[in-house]
Amino acid sequence: MLFLSILPLLAFGLVCFAHPLEKRQSTSTDSFKLYAYGTGISGLPVFYRNGTAQVADVSKVDTTTMAAMTPINFTAATDNTWVAHPISSSSATADFTTLSTDTNMLCLDQGDTADSNPVGFTGASAADQSTTTKLSNVWSTYGGYVLVTVSGANFYARQADTDGMYSLLWSSSAEAMTDTIPLVLRTTEPATVSVLT
């Protein structure tokens, strides 16, 4: 009789034990994409364009503008840097190479203003961080969410001249600027993309 009362607990324990635990802090060297989430920006992908990170709704951006943008994947290096790699061999990749881990790393550009600084790409290695305003060794993920090691850093999108395209910005201010949309960056694609494809 006692055995029958323990049997449901044993079954529950086996079911719980069967599901593997997932690591929350990512250390994977697999490639991944970045997606921006915010008001009116529900999981739009991050692109490379002229040395800066852009967020674009490909259904709204015209083909000429999209031709100048490069879809990218990232790989994580051991020193908290993320190296960008072009997904296709389009003409937009002519100035975009990934010859070593010291080129085309995603960075926080400290710019001239504390309010809105671009998220861009740099060739400066982590060792050269003291002589540049581009911080590249600041990236990590936690459960698919992008984190940076800069105190108080927040991400924003600013509408570009083209409908459906946004400049990806960052700031250490907790207040959103009036012409920006607060964002969360993730490595998880939107659910509608994975359901529809």
N, C-alpha and C. Protein backbone atom coordinates (compact mmCIF):
# COMPACT_ATOMS: atom_id res chain seq x y z
N MET A 1 0.82 -1.18 0.00
CA MET A 1 0.00 0.00 0.00
C MET A 1 0.87 1.26 0.00
N LEU A 2 1.94 1.26 0.80
CA LEU A 2 2.84 2.39 0.85
C LEU A 2 3.52 2.60 -0.51
N PHE A 3 3.83 1.51 -1.18
CA PHE A 3 4.45 1.58 -2.50
C PHE A 3 3.56 2.30 -3.50
N LEU A 4 2.26 2.04 -3.46
CA LEU A 4 1.31 2.67 -4.38
C LEU A 4 1.20 4.17 -4.12
N SER A 5 1.38 4.62 -2.89
CA SER A 5 1.30 6.05 -2.59
C SER A 5 2.58 6.78 -3.02
N ILE A 6 3.69 6.08 -3.09
CA ILE A 6 4.95 6.68 -3.52
C ILE A 6 5.09 6.66 -5.04
N LEU A 7 4.39 5.77 -5.70
CA LEU A 7 4.49 5.60 -7.15
C LEU A 7 4.24 6.90 -7.93
N PRO A 8 3.21 7.71 -7.64
CA PRO A 8 3.04 8.97 -8.39
C PRO A 8 4.21 9.94 -8.19
N LEU A 9 4.76 9.98 -6.98
CA LEU A 9 5.91 10.85 -6.74
C LEU A 9 7.13 10.38 -7.53
N LEU A 10 7.32 9.08 -7.60
CA LEU A 10 8.41 8.51 -8.37
C LEU A 10 8.26 8.83 -9.86
N ALA A 11 7.05 8.70 -10.39
CA ALA A 11 6.78 9.01 -11.80
C ALA A 11 7.03 10.48 -12.08
N PHE A 12 6.58 11.35 -11.19
CA PHE A 12 6.79 12.78 -11.35
C PHE A 12 8.29 13.11 -11.34
N GLY A 13 9.03 12.50 -10.46
CA GLY A 13 10.47 12.72 -10.38
C GLY A 13 11.19 12.28 -11.64
N LEU A 14 10.79 11.15 -12.21
CA LEU A 14 11.40 10.66 -13.45
C LEU A 14 11.11 11.60 -14.62
N VAL A 15 9.88 12.12 -14.69
CA VAL A 15 9.53 13.05 -15.77
C VAL A 15 10.35 14.33 -15.64
N CYS A 16 10.46 14.86 -14.44
CA CYS A 16 11.25 16.08 -14.23
C CYS A 16 12.72 15.86 -14.53
N PHE A 17 13.23 14.72 -14.17
CA PHE A 17 14.63 14.42 -14.38
C PHE A 17 14.94 14.20 -15.86
N ALA A 18 13.96 13.76 -16.64
CA ALA A 18 14.17 13.45 -18.05
C ALA A 18 14.41 14.71 -18.88
N HIS A 19 13.86 15.86 -18.49
CA HIS A 19 14.07 17.09 -19.25
C HIS A 19 15.43 17.68 -18.89
N PRO A 20 16.30 17.86 -19.87
CA PRO A 20 17.64 18.38 -19.56
C PRO A 20 17.58 19.84 -19.13
N LEU A 21 18.45 20.20 -18.23
CA LEU A 21 18.56 21.58 -17.81
C LEU A 21 19.32 22.37 -18.87
N GLU A 22 18.85 23.57 -19.17
CA GLU A 22 19.50 24.40 -20.17
C GLU A 22 20.36 25.46 -19.48
N LYS A 23 21.52 25.72 -20.05
CA LYS A 23 22.37 26.76 -19.50
C LYS A 23 21.78 28.12 -19.84
N ARG A 24 21.76 29.01 -18.88
CA ARG A 24 21.25 30.36 -19.13
C ARG A 24 22.34 31.27 -19.66
N GLN A 25 23.53 31.12 -19.19
CA GLN A 25 24.65 31.93 -19.67
C GLN A 25 25.24 31.23 -20.88
N SER A 26 25.15 31.88 -22.01
CA SER A 26 25.58 31.25 -23.25
C SER A 26 27.09 31.27 -23.40
N THR A 27 27.65 30.13 -23.77
CA THR A 27 29.08 30.04 -24.08
C THR A 27 29.28 29.35 -25.42
N SER A 28 28.20 29.23 -26.17
CA SER A 28 28.24 28.51 -27.43
C SER A 28 29.05 29.25 -28.49
N THR A 29 29.72 28.49 -29.34
CA THR A 29 30.45 29.10 -30.45
C THR A 29 29.65 29.00 -31.74
N ASP A 30 28.42 28.50 -31.67
CA ASP A 30 27.56 28.44 -32.85
C ASP A 30 27.19 29.86 -33.27
N SER A 31 26.88 30.03 -34.55
CA SER A 31 26.47 31.35 -35.02
C SER A 31 25.03 31.64 -34.61
N PHE A 32 24.73 32.91 -34.48
CA PHE A 32 23.39 33.33 -34.07
C PHE A 32 23.09 34.67 -34.72
N LYS A 33 21.82 35.03 -34.73
CA LYS A 33 21.36 36.33 -35.24
C LYS A 33 20.88 37.17 -34.08
N LEU A 34 20.80 38.47 -34.29
CA LEU A 34 20.25 39.37 -33.29
C LEU A 34 18.93 39.92 -33.79
N TYR A 35 17.98 40.03 -32.86
CA TYR A 35 16.66 40.56 -33.16
C TYR A 35 16.33 41.65 -32.14
N ALA A 36 15.67 42.72 -32.61
CA ALA A 36 15.29 43.83 -31.75
C ALA A 36 13.80 43.73 -31.43
N TYR A 37 13.46 43.95 -30.16
CA TYR A 37 12.08 43.93 -29.71
C TYR A 37 11.76 45.23 -29.00
N GLY A 38 10.67 45.88 -29.40
CA GLY A 38 10.23 47.11 -28.78
C GLY A 38 8.86 47.46 -29.33
N THR A 39 8.31 48.59 -28.94
CA THR A 39 7.00 49.01 -29.41
C THR A 39 7.02 49.19 -30.92
N GLY A 40 6.22 48.41 -31.63
CA GLY A 40 6.17 48.48 -33.08
C GLY A 40 7.34 47.77 -33.77
N ILE A 41 8.26 47.22 -33.00
CA ILE A 41 9.42 46.50 -33.53
C ILE A 41 9.42 45.13 -32.87
N SER A 42 8.71 44.21 -33.46
CA SER A 42 8.53 42.91 -32.83
C SER A 42 9.46 41.87 -33.44
N GLY A 43 10.70 41.90 -33.03
CA GLY A 43 11.65 40.89 -33.48
C GLY A 43 12.23 41.15 -34.85
N LEU A 44 12.53 42.41 -35.15
CA LEU A 44 13.15 42.73 -36.44
C LEU A 44 14.64 42.39 -36.39
N PRO A 45 15.19 41.85 -37.49
CA PRO A 45 16.60 41.45 -37.49
C PRO A 45 17.56 42.64 -37.57
N VAL A 46 18.78 42.41 -37.08
CA VAL A 46 19.85 43.42 -37.13
C VAL A 46 20.67 43.16 -38.40
N PHE A 47 20.98 44.24 -39.12
CA PHE A 47 21.76 44.20 -40.35
C PHE A 47 23.01 45.06 -40.22
N TYR A 48 23.98 44.81 -41.10
CA TYR A 48 25.17 45.66 -41.23
C TYR A 48 24.92 46.64 -42.36
N ARG A 49 25.22 47.93 -42.14
CA ARG A 49 25.11 48.94 -43.20
C ARG A 49 26.11 50.06 -42.91
N ASN A 50 27.09 50.19 -43.78
CA ASN A 50 28.08 51.27 -43.70
C ASN A 50 28.73 51.38 -42.31
N GLY A 51 29.08 50.26 -41.72
CA GLY A 51 29.77 50.27 -40.44
C GLY A 51 28.89 50.42 -39.22
N THR A 52 27.56 50.48 -39.40
CA THR A 52 26.65 50.60 -38.26
C THR A 52 25.65 49.46 -38.27
N ALA A 53 25.05 49.23 -37.12
CA ALA A 53 24.00 48.21 -36.98
C ALA A 53 22.66 48.88 -37.25
N GLN A 54 21.88 48.27 -38.10
CA GLN A 54 20.56 48.76 -38.46
C GLN A 54 19.53 47.67 -38.16
N VAL A 55 18.33 48.08 -37.84
CA VAL A 55 17.20 47.17 -37.64
C VAL A 55 16.23 47.46 -38.77
N ALA A 56 15.77 46.41 -39.45
CA ALA A 56 14.91 46.65 -40.61
C ALA A 56 13.77 45.66 -40.70
N ASP A 57 12.61 46.18 -41.13
CA ASP A 57 11.46 45.36 -41.47
C ASP A 57 11.54 45.14 -42.98
N VAL A 58 12.00 43.97 -43.38
CA VAL A 58 12.26 43.71 -44.80
C VAL A 58 11.01 43.78 -45.65
N SER A 59 9.83 43.67 -45.04
CA SER A 59 8.59 43.79 -45.82
C SER A 59 8.27 45.23 -46.18
N LYS A 60 8.88 46.20 -45.50
CA LYS A 60 8.61 47.62 -45.75
C LYS A 60 9.74 48.34 -46.48
N VAL A 61 10.96 47.84 -46.36
CA VAL A 61 12.12 48.54 -46.94
C VAL A 61 12.22 48.21 -48.43
N ASP A 62 12.47 49.25 -49.24
CA ASP A 62 12.55 49.05 -50.69
C ASP A 62 13.80 48.24 -51.05
N THR A 63 13.78 47.65 -52.23
CA THR A 63 14.85 46.73 -52.64
C THR A 63 16.19 47.44 -52.81
N THR A 64 16.19 48.71 -53.21
CA THR A 64 17.45 49.45 -53.36
C THR A 64 18.13 49.61 -52.01
N THR A 65 17.36 49.98 -51.00
CA THR A 65 17.92 50.14 -49.65
C THR A 65 18.37 48.79 -49.09
N MET A 66 17.58 47.75 -49.30
CA MET A 66 17.94 46.42 -48.81
C MET A 66 19.21 45.91 -49.49
N ALA A 67 19.44 46.30 -50.74
CA ALA A 67 20.65 45.85 -51.45
C ALA A 67 21.91 46.42 -50.80
N ALA A 68 21.78 47.58 -50.13
CA ALA A 68 22.94 48.20 -49.47
C ALA A 68 23.15 47.68 -48.05
N MET A 69 22.26 46.79 -47.61
CA MET A 69 22.36 46.23 -46.26
C MET A 69 22.80 44.78 -46.34
N THR A 70 23.56 44.34 -45.34
CA THR A 70 24.06 42.97 -45.33
C THR A 70 23.46 42.20 -44.17
N PRO A 71 22.72 41.12 -44.46
CA PRO A 71 22.26 40.25 -43.36
C PRO A 71 23.47 39.59 -42.70
N ILE A 72 23.47 39.50 -41.38
CA ILE A 72 24.65 39.00 -40.67
C ILE A 72 24.29 37.98 -39.60
N ASN A 73 25.24 37.10 -39.36
CA ASN A 73 25.26 36.20 -38.22
C ASN A 73 26.42 36.63 -37.33
N PHE A 74 26.38 36.22 -36.09
CA PHE A 74 27.46 36.51 -35.16
C PHE A 74 28.01 35.21 -34.59
N THR A 75 29.27 35.24 -34.21
CA THR A 75 29.86 34.18 -33.40
C THR A 75 30.51 34.85 -32.20
N ALA A 76 30.42 34.18 -31.06
CA ALA A 76 30.98 34.73 -29.83
C ALA A 76 32.41 34.24 -29.65
N ALA A 77 33.30 35.18 -29.26
CA ALA A 77 34.68 34.84 -28.94
C ALA A 77 34.82 34.75 -27.42
N THR A 78 35.95 34.26 -26.95
CA THR A 78 36.14 34.04 -25.52
C THR A 78 36.29 35.33 -24.72
N ASP A 79 36.61 36.45 -25.37
CA ASP A 79 36.83 37.70 -24.65
C ASP A 79 35.61 38.63 -24.71
N ASN A 80 34.40 38.07 -24.74
CA ASN A 80 33.14 38.82 -24.78
C ASN A 80 33.00 39.69 -26.03
N THR A 81 33.64 39.29 -27.12
CA THR A 81 33.44 39.99 -28.39
C THR A 81 32.57 39.13 -29.30
N TRP A 82 31.82 39.79 -30.17
CA TRP A 82 31.00 39.11 -31.16
C TRP A 82 31.46 39.52 -32.54
N VAL A 83 31.85 38.54 -33.35
CA VAL A 83 32.33 38.80 -34.70
C VAL A 83 31.17 38.59 -35.67
N ALA A 84 30.96 39.58 -36.55
CA ALA A 84 29.88 39.52 -37.53
C ALA A 84 30.35 38.85 -38.80
N HIS A 85 29.48 38.05 -39.39
CA HIS A 85 29.77 37.35 -40.64
C HIS A 85 28.61 37.58 -41.61
N PRO A 86 28.88 37.93 -42.85
CA PRO A 86 27.78 38.11 -43.81
C PRO A 86 27.10 36.78 -44.10
N ILE A 87 25.79 36.80 -44.24
CA ILE A 87 25.04 35.58 -44.52
C ILE A 87 25.13 35.24 -46.00
N SER A 88 25.09 36.26 -46.87
CA SER A 88 25.12 36.00 -48.30
C SER A 88 26.35 36.63 -48.93
N SER A 89 26.54 36.36 -50.20
CA SER A 89 27.67 36.96 -50.90
C SER A 89 27.19 38.09 -51.81
N SER A 90 26.30 38.93 -51.28
CA SER A 90 25.78 40.03 -52.08
C SER A 90 26.85 41.10 -52.27
N SER A 91 26.59 42.03 -53.16
CA SER A 91 27.55 43.10 -53.44
C SER A 91 27.77 43.99 -52.23
N ALA A 92 26.83 43.99 -51.29
CA ALA A 92 26.96 44.83 -50.10
C ALA A 92 28.08 44.34 -49.18
N THR A 93 28.59 43.15 -49.42
CA THR A 93 29.63 42.61 -48.55
C THR A 93 31.04 42.97 -49.04
N ALA A 94 31.15 43.80 -50.05
CA ALA A 94 32.46 44.11 -50.62
C ALA A 94 33.40 44.74 -49.59
N ASP A 95 32.88 45.61 -48.72
CA ASP A 95 33.73 46.25 -47.71
C ASP A 95 33.63 45.54 -46.37
N PHE A 96 33.12 44.35 -46.35
CA PHE A 96 32.82 43.65 -45.11
C PHE A 96 33.55 42.31 -45.12
N THR A 97 34.64 42.23 -44.37
CA THR A 97 35.41 40.98 -44.35
C THR A 97 35.48 40.44 -42.94
N THR A 98 35.72 39.17 -42.82
CA THR A 98 35.91 38.54 -41.52
C THR A 98 37.16 37.69 -41.60
N LEU A 99 38.30 38.35 -41.76
CA LEU A 99 39.56 37.64 -41.94
C LEU A 99 40.14 37.15 -40.62
N SER A 100 39.84 37.82 -39.53
CA SER A 100 40.34 37.40 -38.23
C SER A 100 39.37 37.88 -37.16
N THR A 101 39.61 37.49 -35.93
CA THR A 101 38.73 37.91 -34.84
C THR A 101 38.94 39.38 -34.48
N ASP A 102 39.89 40.05 -35.10
CA ASP A 102 40.11 41.47 -34.83
C ASP A 102 39.38 42.37 -35.82
N THR A 103 38.55 41.82 -36.68
CA THR A 103 37.82 42.64 -37.63
C THR A 103 36.33 42.40 -37.50
N ASN A 104 35.59 43.46 -37.74
CA ASN A 104 34.12 43.42 -37.78
C ASN A 104 33.48 42.87 -36.51
N MET A 105 33.94 43.37 -35.39
CA MET A 105 33.34 43.02 -34.12
C MET A 105 32.24 44.03 -33.80
N LEU A 106 31.12 43.52 -33.28
CA LEU A 106 30.04 44.40 -32.86
C LEU A 106 30.56 45.26 -31.72
N CYS A 107 30.23 46.56 -31.74
CA CYS A 107 30.76 47.44 -30.69
C CYS A 107 29.75 48.49 -30.27
N LEU A 108 29.97 49.04 -29.10
CA LEU A 108 29.25 50.21 -28.62
C LEU A 108 30.15 51.41 -28.89
N ASP A 109 29.74 52.27 -29.81
CA ASP A 109 30.53 53.45 -30.15
C ASP A 109 30.17 54.55 -29.15
N GLN A 110 31.17 55.08 -28.44
CA GLN A 110 30.90 56.07 -27.41
C GLN A 110 30.63 57.45 -27.97
N GLY A 111 30.90 57.71 -29.23
CA GLY A 111 30.49 58.93 -29.92
C GLY A 111 30.75 60.23 -29.17
N ASP A 112 30.06 61.28 -29.62
CA ASP A 112 30.23 62.61 -29.05
C ASP A 112 29.20 62.97 -28.00
N THR A 113 28.12 62.24 -27.94
CA THR A 113 27.04 62.58 -27.02
C THR A 113 26.72 61.41 -26.12
N ALA A 114 26.28 61.70 -24.91
CA ALA A 114 25.91 60.62 -23.98
C ALA A 114 24.49 60.14 -24.23
N ASP A 115 23.72 60.92 -25.00
CA ASP A 115 22.31 60.57 -25.22
C ASP A 115 22.10 59.44 -26.21
N SER A 116 22.76 59.51 -27.36
CA SER A 116 22.53 58.48 -28.37
C SER A 116 23.83 58.16 -29.09
N ASN A 117 24.31 56.98 -28.86
CA ASN A 117 25.53 56.51 -29.47
C ASN A 117 25.20 55.33 -30.38
N PRO A 118 25.82 55.25 -31.54
CA PRO A 118 25.49 54.13 -32.43
C PRO A 118 26.08 52.81 -31.96
N VAL A 119 25.37 51.74 -32.28
CA VAL A 119 25.92 50.40 -32.18
C VAL A 119 26.51 50.14 -33.55
N GLY A 120 27.80 49.84 -33.59
CA GLY A 120 28.47 49.70 -34.87
C GLY A 120 29.40 48.50 -34.91
N PHE A 121 30.38 48.60 -35.78
CA PHE A 121 31.35 47.52 -35.98
C PHE A 121 32.74 48.14 -35.97
N THR A 122 33.70 47.40 -35.45
CA THR A 122 35.06 47.92 -35.35
C THR A 122 36.08 46.83 -35.68
N GLY A 123 37.26 47.28 -36.03
CA GLY A 123 38.37 46.37 -36.23
C GLY A 123 39.33 46.42 -35.07
N ALA A 124 39.06 47.28 -34.06
CA ALA A 124 39.94 47.41 -32.90
C ALA A 124 39.81 46.18 -32.01
N SER A 125 40.92 45.58 -31.69
CA SER A 125 40.89 44.40 -30.83
C SER A 125 40.60 44.80 -29.39
N ALA A 126 40.26 43.82 -28.58
CA ALA A 126 39.99 44.07 -27.17
C ALA A 126 41.19 44.71 -26.49
N ALA A 127 42.40 44.38 -26.93
CA ALA A 127 43.61 44.95 -26.34
C ALA A 127 43.74 46.44 -26.65
N ASP A 128 43.12 46.89 -27.75
CA ASP A 128 43.20 48.30 -28.14
C ASP A 128 42.07 49.15 -27.56
N GLN A 129 41.27 48.62 -26.66
CA GLN A 129 40.11 49.33 -26.14
C GLN A 129 40.48 50.63 -25.44
N SER A 130 41.67 50.74 -24.88
CA SER A 130 42.04 51.95 -24.15
C SER A 130 42.31 53.12 -25.08
N THR A 131 42.54 52.87 -26.37
CA THR A 131 42.86 53.95 -27.31
C THR A 131 41.73 54.21 -28.30
N THR A 132 40.57 53.66 -28.08
CA THR A 132 39.46 53.85 -29.00
C THR A 132 38.18 54.13 -28.23
N THR A 133 37.21 54.73 -28.90
CA THR A 133 35.90 54.98 -28.29
C THR A 133 34.92 53.86 -28.61
N LYS A 134 35.40 52.82 -29.25
CA LYS A 134 34.54 51.69 -29.64
C LYS A 134 34.79 50.51 -28.71
N LEU A 135 33.77 50.16 -27.94
CA LEU A 135 33.87 49.07 -26.97
C LEU A 135 33.34 47.79 -27.60
N SER A 136 34.22 46.82 -27.80
CA SER A 136 33.79 45.58 -28.44
C SER A 136 33.77 44.38 -27.50
N ASN A 137 34.44 44.45 -26.38
CA ASN A 137 34.51 43.30 -25.47
C ASN A 137 33.52 43.44 -24.32
N VAL A 138 32.26 43.68 -24.67
CA VAL A 138 31.23 43.95 -23.66
C VAL A 138 30.01 43.04 -23.78
N TRP A 139 30.00 42.08 -24.69
CA TRP A 139 28.79 41.34 -25.05
C TRP A 139 28.67 39.98 -24.37
N SER A 140 27.46 39.63 -23.97
CA SER A 140 27.14 38.29 -23.51
C SER A 140 25.63 38.08 -23.64
N THR A 141 25.19 36.85 -23.42
CA THR A 141 23.76 36.57 -23.42
C THR A 141 23.38 35.85 -22.15
N TYR A 142 22.13 35.98 -21.81
CA TYR A 142 21.57 35.26 -20.67
C TYR A 142 20.16 34.83 -21.06
N GLY A 143 19.99 33.53 -21.30
CA GLY A 143 18.68 33.04 -21.70
C GLY A 143 18.17 33.64 -22.99
N GLY A 144 19.04 33.97 -23.91
CA GLY A 144 18.61 34.55 -25.18
C GLY A 144 18.52 36.06 -25.18
N TYR A 145 18.72 36.70 -24.03
CA TYR A 145 18.72 38.16 -23.94
C TYR A 145 20.15 38.67 -24.03
N VAL A 146 20.35 39.76 -24.76
CA VAL A 146 21.67 40.34 -24.91
C VAL A 146 21.97 41.23 -23.72
N LEU A 147 23.15 41.03 -23.15
CA LEU A 147 23.63 41.84 -22.02
C LEU A 147 24.94 42.51 -22.42
N VAL A 148 25.21 43.66 -21.81
CA VAL A 148 26.50 44.33 -22.00
C VAL A 148 27.07 44.67 -20.64
N THR A 149 28.38 44.79 -20.57
CA THR A 149 29.05 45.06 -19.29
C THR A 149 29.23 46.54 -19.02
N VAL A 150 28.54 47.39 -19.76
CA VAL A 150 28.58 48.84 -19.53
C VAL A 150 27.46 49.18 -18.56
N SER A 151 27.80 49.83 -17.46
CA SER A 151 26.82 50.14 -16.43
C SER A 151 25.70 51.03 -16.97
N GLY A 152 24.46 50.59 -16.77
CA GLY A 152 23.29 51.37 -17.15
C GLY A 152 23.00 51.45 -18.63
N ALA A 153 23.64 50.62 -19.44
CA ALA A 153 23.44 50.70 -20.90
C ALA A 153 22.04 50.22 -21.29
N ASN A 154 21.42 50.96 -22.20
CA ASN A 154 20.11 50.63 -22.76
C ASN A 154 20.18 50.76 -24.27
N PHE A 155 19.36 49.97 -24.96
CA PHE A 155 19.32 50.03 -26.42
C PHE A 155 18.08 50.76 -26.90
N TYR A 156 18.23 51.46 -28.03
CA TYR A 156 17.14 52.24 -28.62
C TYR A 156 17.17 52.10 -30.14
N ALA A 157 16.03 52.38 -30.76
CA ALA A 157 15.95 52.45 -32.22
C ALA A 157 15.47 53.84 -32.60
N ARG A 158 16.07 54.40 -33.62
CA ARG A 158 15.64 55.70 -34.15
C ARG A 158 15.22 55.48 -35.60
N GLN A 159 14.01 55.91 -35.93
CA GLN A 159 13.49 55.78 -37.29
C GLN A 159 14.43 56.47 -38.27
N ALA A 160 14.81 55.76 -39.33
CA ALA A 160 15.66 56.33 -40.38
C ALA A 160 14.76 57.01 -41.42
N ASP A 161 15.38 57.54 -42.45
CA ASP A 161 14.63 58.23 -43.51
C ASP A 161 13.75 57.26 -44.29
N THR A 162 14.11 55.99 -44.31
CA THR A 162 13.35 54.97 -45.03
C THR A 162 12.37 54.29 -44.09
N ASP A 163 11.11 54.16 -44.54
CA ASP A 163 10.09 53.50 -43.73
C ASP A 163 10.50 52.05 -43.44
N GLY A 164 10.38 51.64 -42.19
CA GLY A 164 10.70 50.27 -41.80
C GLY A 164 12.15 50.06 -41.43
N MET A 165 12.98 51.11 -41.47
CA MET A 165 14.39 50.98 -41.12
C MET A 165 14.72 51.88 -39.93
N TYR A 166 15.53 51.34 -39.02
CA TYR A 166 15.89 52.04 -37.79
C TYR A 166 17.39 51.94 -37.55
N SER A 167 17.96 53.00 -36.99
CA SER A 167 19.35 52.96 -36.52
C SER A 167 19.35 52.37 -35.13
N LEU A 168 20.27 51.45 -34.87
CA LEU A 168 20.39 50.84 -33.55
C LEU A 168 21.34 51.69 -32.72
N LEU A 169 20.85 52.20 -31.59
CA LEU A 169 21.60 53.10 -30.72
C LEU A 169 21.69 52.50 -29.32
N TRP A 170 22.59 53.08 -28.52
CA TRP A 170 22.67 52.72 -27.11
C TRP A 170 22.95 53.98 -26.31
N SER A 171 22.64 53.94 -25.04
CA SER A 171 22.87 55.07 -24.15
C SER A 171 23.00 54.54 -22.73
N SER A 172 23.74 55.26 -21.90
CA SER A 172 23.82 54.87 -20.49
C SER A 172 22.78 55.63 -19.67
N SER A 173 21.92 56.38 -20.35
CA SER A 173 20.83 57.09 -19.68
C SER A 173 19.61 56.18 -19.58
N ALA A 174 18.93 56.22 -18.45
CA ALA A 174 17.74 55.39 -18.27
C ALA A 174 16.52 56.00 -18.96
N GLU A 175 16.60 57.26 -19.33
CA GLU A 175 15.49 57.96 -19.98
C GLU A 175 15.59 57.79 -21.50
N ALA A 176 14.50 57.38 -22.12
CA ALA A 176 14.48 57.27 -23.58
C ALA A 176 14.39 58.66 -24.18
N MET A 177 15.10 58.87 -25.28
CA MET A 177 15.02 60.14 -25.98
C MET A 177 13.66 60.23 -26.67
N THR A 178 13.19 61.43 -26.94
CA THR A 178 11.83 61.60 -27.47
C THR A 178 11.67 61.00 -28.87
N ASP A 179 12.73 60.89 -29.63
CA ASP A 179 12.61 60.37 -31.00
C ASP A 179 13.09 58.92 -31.13
N THR A 180 13.13 58.19 -30.03
CA THR A 180 13.62 56.80 -30.07
C THR A 180 12.61 55.85 -29.45
N ILE A 181 12.82 54.58 -29.71
CA ILE A 181 12.00 53.50 -29.17
C ILE A 181 12.91 52.62 -28.31
N PRO A 182 12.60 52.44 -27.03
CA PRO A 182 13.41 51.54 -26.20
C PRO A 182 13.34 50.11 -26.74
N LEU A 183 14.49 49.43 -26.73
CA LEU A 183 14.59 48.09 -27.29
C LEU A 183 15.18 47.10 -26.31
N VAL A 184 14.89 45.84 -26.57
CA VAL A 184 15.56 44.70 -25.96
C VAL A 184 16.14 43.92 -27.13
N LEU A 185 17.41 43.56 -27.05
CA LEU A 185 18.03 42.73 -28.08
C LEU A 185 18.03 41.28 -27.60
N ARG A 186 17.69 40.38 -28.53
CA ARG A 186 17.64 38.96 -28.20
C ARG A 186 18.26 38.15 -29.33
N THR A 187 18.62 36.93 -29.00
CA THR A 187 19.11 36.00 -30.02
C THR A 187 17.99 35.07 -30.47
N THR A 188 16.80 35.27 -29.96
CA THR A 188 15.65 34.44 -30.28
C THR A 188 14.80 35.12 -31.34
N GLU A 189 14.55 34.39 -32.44
CA GLU A 189 13.72 34.98 -33.48
C GLU A 189 12.28 35.07 -33.01
N PRO A 190 11.51 35.99 -33.61
CA PRO A 190 10.10 36.11 -33.20
C PRO A 190 9.33 34.83 -33.50
N ALA A 191 8.34 34.54 -32.68
CA ALA A 191 7.58 33.30 -32.83
C ALA A 191 6.88 33.22 -34.18
N THR A 192 6.43 34.33 -34.72
CA THR A 192 5.73 34.30 -36.00
C THR A 192 6.64 33.85 -37.14
N VAL A 193 7.92 34.16 -37.07
CA VAL A 193 8.85 33.73 -38.11
C VAL A 193 9.01 32.23 -38.08
N SER A 194 9.19 31.66 -36.90
CA SER A 194 9.41 30.22 -36.81
C SER A 194 8.12 29.44 -37.08
N VAL A 195 6.97 30.03 -36.83
CA VAL A 195 5.70 29.34 -37.10
C VAL A 195 5.40 29.37 -38.60
N LEU A 196 5.69 30.49 -39.26
CA LEU A 196 5.35 30.64 -40.67
C LEU A 196 6.35 30.03 -41.63
N THR A 197 7.57 29.72 -41.16
CA THR A 197 8.58 29.16 -42.08
C THR A 197 8.74 27.68 -41.90
